[in-house]
Amino acid sequence: MSHWFSVKTKFLSQPAITKTANELGFIVKSNAICRGYNGQKKKCDLVVQLPGEYDLGLEKQADNSYLVSADFWWDHISQYLADPTTLASAEKASEDLRSDKKYAEADAAVAEAKMSKFTKMYNRFAVQELAKAQGLQYMESILEDGTMVLELTGNPY
């Protein structure tokens, strides 16, 4: 039985992917084997190696972005890469989708949420990278509710 999903989120920066994984305490390997349920394996361009039996795989697309492809069964990935509040909200929303017989949408929403902490941190590093490349100043602040506010200033032209 396979539980592999490709999620909608596209990652554009390999350095930001690596920086995110490192910040979370994981390493990224290139052209490596991504592990999943019951010993299943899949070759991926980038693999975020996680403790346990599952990894997060990323496959390079024709447009040079990276598409996530991983086995999101149970909580093996989410215990390391999910924001608990985001995951709880997605699981609740998936119940409504399932009652409307939108099973693929429900599974995709939960899969996205199972790596929500990783995605949020990636976005932070990707914005920093873009700001630097365009000569912009970057300032970050965290609100009391945990919301991250990114402020870019300067003239990119």
C-alpha atoms as a PDB file:
ATOM      1  CA  MET A   1       0.000   0.000   0.000  1.00  0.00           C
ATOM      2  CA  SER A   2       1.373   3.393  -0.965  1.00  0.00           C
ATOM      3  CA  HIS A   3       0.820   6.665   0.872  1.00  0.00           C
ATOM      4  CA  TRP A   4       3.000   8.919  -1.293  1.00  0.00           C
ATOM      5  CA  PHE A   5       1.622  12.342  -2.103  1.00  0.00           C
ATOM      6  CA  SER A   6       2.830  15.248  -4.190  1.00  0.00           C
ATOM      7  CA  VAL A   7       1.762  18.501  -2.601  1.00  0.00           C
ATOM      8  CA  LYS A   8       0.870  21.792  -4.315  1.00  0.00           C
ATOM      9  CA  THR A   9       3.596  23.870  -2.717  1.00  0.00           C
ATOM     10  CA  LYS A  10       6.515  24.507  -5.052  1.00  0.00           C
ATOM     11  CA  PHE A  11       9.886  25.360  -3.647  1.00  0.00           C
ATOM     12  CA  LEU A  12      12.075  27.508  -5.886  1.00  0.00           C
ATOM     13  CA  SER A  13      15.345  27.828  -3.966  1.00  0.00           C
ATOM     14  CA  GLN A  14      17.602  24.903  -3.152  1.00  0.00           C
ATOM     15  CA  PRO A  15      19.688  27.072  -0.778  1.00  0.00           C
ATOM     16  CA  ALA A  16      16.525  28.073   1.133  1.00  0.00           C
ATOM     17  CA  ILE A  17      15.442  24.410   1.312  1.00  0.00           C
ATOM     18  CA  THR A  18      18.825  23.448   2.752  1.00  0.00           C
ATOM     19  CA  LYS A  19      18.878  26.368   5.169  1.00  0.00           C
ATOM     20  CA  THR A  20      15.376  25.483   6.386  1.00  0.00           C
ATOM     21  CA  ALA A  21      16.267  21.837   6.948  1.00  0.00           C
ATOM     22  CA  ASN A  22      19.466  22.793   8.767  1.00  0.00           C
ATOM     23  CA  GLU A  23      17.642  25.323  10.952  1.00  0.00           C
ATOM     24  CA  LEU A  24      15.252  22.538  11.974  1.00  0.00           C
ATOM     25  CA  GLY A  25      18.192  20.212  12.726  1.00  0.00           C
ATOM     26  CA  PHE A  26      18.102  18.032   9.590  1.00  0.00           C
ATOM     27  CA  ILE A  27      20.434  17.519   6.659  1.00  0.00           C
ATOM     28  CA  VAL A  28      19.625  17.556   2.949  1.00  0.00           C
ATOM     29  CA  LYS A  29      21.161  15.054   0.559  1.00  0.00           C
ATOM     30  CA  SER A  30      21.227  15.435  -3.214  1.00  0.00           C
ATOM     31  CA  ASN A  31      20.156  12.607  -5.535  1.00  0.00           C
ATOM     32  CA  ALA A  32      19.275  10.392  -2.620  1.00  0.00           C
ATOM     33  CA  ILE A  33      16.709   7.821  -1.607  1.00  0.00           C
ATOM     34  CA  CYS A  34      13.591   9.061   0.189  1.00  0.00           C
ATOM     35  CA  ARG A  35      12.168   6.539   2.643  1.00  0.00           C
ATOM     36  CA  GLY A  36       8.487   5.811   3.221  1.00  0.00           C
ATOM     37  CA  TYR A  37       5.964   3.307   4.552  1.00  0.00           C
ATOM     38  CA  ASN A  38       7.027  -0.296   4.986  1.00  0.00           C
ATOM     39  CA  GLY A  39      10.491   0.227   3.513  1.00  0.00           C
ATOM     40  CA  GLN A  40       9.262   1.806   0.269  1.00  0.00           C
ATOM     41  CA  LYS A  41      11.855   4.024  -1.349  1.00  0.00           C
ATOM     42  CA  LYS A  42      11.857   6.675  -4.025  1.00  0.00           C
ATOM     43  CA  LYS A  43      14.786   8.435  -5.690  1.00  0.00           C
ATOM     44  CA  CYS A  44      14.533  12.228  -5.273  1.00  0.00           C
ATOM     45  CA  ASP A  45      16.698  15.160  -6.289  1.00  0.00           C
ATOM     46  CA  LEU A  46      16.782  16.441  -2.696  1.00  0.00           C
ATOM     47  CA  VAL A  47      15.970  14.509   0.471  1.00  0.00           C
ATOM     48  CA  VAL A  48      15.483  16.029   3.902  1.00  0.00           C
ATOM     49  CA  GLN A  49      16.580  13.160   6.116  1.00  0.00           C
ATOM     50  CA  LEU A  50      14.346  12.827   9.157  1.00  0.00           C
ATOM     51  CA  PRO A  51      14.660  10.574  12.201  1.00  0.00           C
ATOM     52  CA  GLY A  52      12.719   7.348  11.959  1.00  0.00           C
ATOM     53  CA  GLU A  53      11.659   5.596   8.775  1.00  0.00           C
ATOM     54  CA  TYR A  54      10.323   8.483   6.636  1.00  0.00           C
ATOM     55  CA  ASP A  55      11.958  11.403   4.797  1.00  0.00           C
ATOM     56  CA  LEU A  56      10.803  14.443   2.864  1.00  0.00           C
ATOM     57  CA  GLY A  57      11.655  14.183  -0.834  1.00  0.00           C
ATOM     58  CA  LEU A  58      11.813  16.991  -3.371  1.00  0.00           C
ATOM     59  CA  GLU A  59      11.837  16.440  -7.117  1.00  0.00           C
ATOM     60  CA  LYS A  60      13.194  19.038  -9.520  1.00  0.00           C
ATOM     61  CA  GLN A  61      10.653  20.094 -12.135  1.00  0.00           C
ATOM     62  CA  ALA A  62      11.146  21.341 -15.699  1.00  0.00           C
ATOM     63  CA  ASP A  63      10.759  24.939 -14.465  1.00  0.00           C
ATOM     64  CA  ASN A  64      13.600  24.343 -11.935  1.00  0.00           C
ATOM     65  CA  SER A  65      11.223  24.419  -8.964  1.00  0.00           C
ATOM     66  CA  TYR A  66      11.058  21.545  -6.486  1.00  0.00           C
ATOM     67  CA  LEU A  67       7.865  19.597  -5.910  1.00  0.00           C
ATOM     68  CA  VAL A  68       7.477  17.756  -2.622  1.00  0.00           C
ATOM     69  CA  SER A  69       6.942  14.033  -2.940  1.00  0.00           C
ATOM     70  CA  ALA A  70       6.769  12.135   0.313  1.00  0.00           C
ATOM     71  CA  ASP A  71       4.905   9.465   2.220  1.00  0.00           C
ATOM     72  CA  PHE A  72       2.686  11.420   4.612  1.00  0.00           C
ATOM     73  CA  TRP A  73       1.209   8.362   6.287  1.00  0.00           C
ATOM     74  CA  TRP A  74       0.275   8.902   9.907  1.00  0.00           C
ATOM     75  CA  ASP A  75       2.454  11.452  11.742  1.00  0.00           C
ATOM     76  CA  HIS A  76       5.975  10.397  10.826  1.00  0.00           C
ATOM     77  CA  ILE A  77       6.725  13.576   8.879  1.00  0.00           C
ATOM     78  CA  SER A  78       4.375  15.908  10.735  1.00  0.00           C
ATOM     79  CA  GLN A  79       6.014  15.301  14.096  1.00  0.00           C
ATOM     80  CA  TYR A  80       9.112  17.049  12.729  1.00  0.00           C
ATOM     81  CA  LEU A  81       7.810  19.424  10.052  1.00  0.00           C
ATOM     82  CA  ALA A  82       4.245  20.483  11.009  1.00  0.00           C
ATOM     83  CA  ASP A  83       2.960  23.503  12.843  1.00  0.00           C
ATOM     84  CA  PRO A  84       0.493  21.850  15.295  1.00  0.00           C
ATOM     85  CA  THR A  85      -2.142  24.605  15.002  1.00  0.00           C
ATOM     86  CA  THR A  86      -2.057  24.544  11.202  1.00  0.00           C
ATOM     87  CA  LEU A  87      -2.266  20.754  11.171  1.00  0.00           C
ATOM     88  CA  ALA A  88      -5.239  20.708  13.562  1.00  0.00           C
ATOM     89  CA  SER A  89      -7.093  23.253  11.400  1.00  0.00           C
ATOM     90  CA  ALA A  90      -6.394  21.265   8.230  1.00  0.00           C
ATOM     91  CA  GLU A  91      -7.577  18.025   9.823  1.00  0.00           C
ATOM     92  CA  LYS A  92     -10.814  19.703  10.878  1.00  0.00           C
ATOM     93  CA  ALA A  93     -11.329  21.181   7.397  1.00  0.00           C
ATOM     94  CA  SER A  94     -10.617  17.783   5.814  1.00  0.00           C
ATOM     95  CA  GLU A  95     -13.594  16.309   7.677  1.00  0.00           C
ATOM     96  CA  ASP A  96     -15.888  18.693   5.782  1.00  0.00           C
ATOM     97  CA  LEU A  97     -14.203  17.883   2.483  1.00  0.00           C
ATOM     98  CA  ARG A  98     -14.582  14.161   3.127  1.00  0.00           C
ATOM     99  CA  SER A  99     -18.273  14.563   3.940  1.00  0.00           C
ATOM    100  CA  ASP A 100     -18.601  16.231   0.519  1.00  0.00           C
ATOM    101  CA  LYS A 101     -16.739  13.247  -0.998  1.00  0.00           C
ATOM    102  CA  LYS A 102     -13.731  15.407  -1.910  1.00  0.00           C
ATOM    103  CA  TYR A 103     -11.212  12.854  -0.713  1.00  0.00           C
ATOM    104  CA  ALA A 104      -8.235  13.927  -2.835  1.00  0.00           C
ATOM    105  CA  GLU A 105      -8.648  17.555  -1.714  1.00  0.00           C
ATOM    106  CA  ALA A 106      -8.902  16.469   1.922  1.00  0.00           C
ATOM    107  CA  ASP A 107      -5.738  14.360   1.658  1.00  0.00           C
ATOM    108  CA  ALA A 108      -3.837  17.165  -0.115  1.00  0.00           C
ATOM    109  CA  ALA A 109      -4.841  19.754   2.515  1.00  0.00           C
ATOM    110  CA  VAL A 110      -3.652  17.546   5.350  1.00  0.00           C
ATOM    111  CA  ALA A 111      -0.434  16.635   3.500  1.00  0.00           C
ATOM    112  CA  GLU A 112       0.352  20.364   3.048  1.00  0.00           C
ATOM    113  CA  ALA A 113      -0.293  20.950   6.750  1.00  0.00           C
ATOM    114  CA  LYS A 114       1.955  18.036   7.731  1.00  0.00           C
ATOM    115  CA  MET A 115       4.930  20.100   6.561  1.00  0.00           C
ATOM    116  CA  SER A 116       3.587  23.564   7.447  1.00  0.00           C
ATOM    117  CA  LYS A 117       6.420  24.487   9.837  1.00  0.00           C
ATOM    118  CA  PHE A 118       8.936  23.625   7.124  1.00  0.00           C
ATOM    119  CA  THR A 119       6.995  25.632   4.509  1.00  0.00           C
ATOM    120  CA  LYS A 120       6.694  28.713   6.723  1.00  0.00           C
ATOM    121  CA  MET A 121      10.403  28.682   7.515  1.00  0.00           C
ATOM    122  CA  TYR A 122      11.289  28.083   3.863  1.00  0.00           C
ATOM    123  CA  ASN A 123       9.212  31.115   2.867  1.00  0.00           C
ATOM    124  CA  ARG A 124      11.120  33.214   5.392  1.00  0.00           C
ATOM    125  CA  PHE A 125      14.502  32.194   3.979  1.00  0.00           C
ATOM    126  CA  ALA A 126      13.315  32.520   0.366  1.00  0.00           C
ATOM    127  CA  VAL A 127      12.158  36.107   1.021  1.00  0.00           C
ATOM    128  CA  GLN A 128      15.492  36.909   2.668  1.00  0.00           C
ATOM    129  CA  GLU A 129      17.302  35.486  -0.364  1.00  0.00           C
ATOM    130  CA  LEU A 130      15.163  37.486  -2.823  1.00  0.00           C
ATOM    131  CA  ALA A 131      15.536  40.683  -0.811  1.00  0.00           C
ATOM    132  CA  LYS A 132      19.308  40.331  -0.748  1.00  0.00           C
ATOM    133  CA  ALA A 133      19.446  39.566  -4.483  1.00  0.00           C
ATOM    134  CA  GLN A 134      17.456  42.725  -5.226  1.00  0.00           C
ATOM    135  CA  GLY A 135      19.424  44.941  -2.870  1.00  0.00           C
ATOM    136  CA  LEU A 136      16.539  45.406  -0.444  1.00  0.00           C
ATOM    137  CA  GLN A 137      16.725  45.753   3.322  1.00  0.00           C
ATOM    138  CA  TYR A 138      14.980  43.005   5.247  1.00  0.00           C
ATOM    139  CA  MET A 139      13.379  43.266   8.685  1.00  0.00           C
ATOM    140  CA  GLU A 140      11.474  40.550  10.492  1.00  0.00           C
ATOM    141  CA  SER A 141       9.272  40.691  13.571  1.00  0.00           C
ATOM    142  CA  ILE A 142       7.101  38.143  15.317  1.00  0.00           C
ATOM    143  CA  LEU A 143       3.707  39.177  16.683  1.00  0.00           C
ATOM    144  CA  GLU A 144       2.314  37.855  19.971  1.00  0.00           C
ATOM    145  CA  ASP A 145       0.141  35.319  18.135  1.00  0.00           C
ATOM    146  CA  GLY A 146       3.209  33.922  16.351  1.00  0.00           C
ATOM    147  CA  THR A 147       2.541  35.664  13.044  1.00  0.00           C
ATOM    148  CA  MET A 148       5.735  36.594  11.241  1.00  0.00           C
ATOM    149  CA  VAL A 149       5.848  40.029   9.639  1.00  0.00           C
ATOM    150  CA  LEU A 150       8.466  40.610   6.962  1.00  0.00           C
ATOM    151  CA  GLU A 151       9.231  44.176   5.916  1.00  0.00           C
ATOM    152  CA  LEU A 152      11.255  44.963   2.834  1.00  0.00           C
ATOM    153  CA  THR A 153      12.553  48.447   2.160  1.00  0.00           C
ATOM    154  CA  GLY A 154      14.693  50.019  -0.509  1.00  0.00           C
ATOM    155  CA  ASN A 155      14.573  50.443  -4.241  1.00  0.00           C
ATOM    156  CA  PRO A 156      15.147  47.288  -6.294  1.00  0.00           C
ATOM    157  CA  TYR A 157      15.732  49.276  -9.485  1.00  0.00           C
END
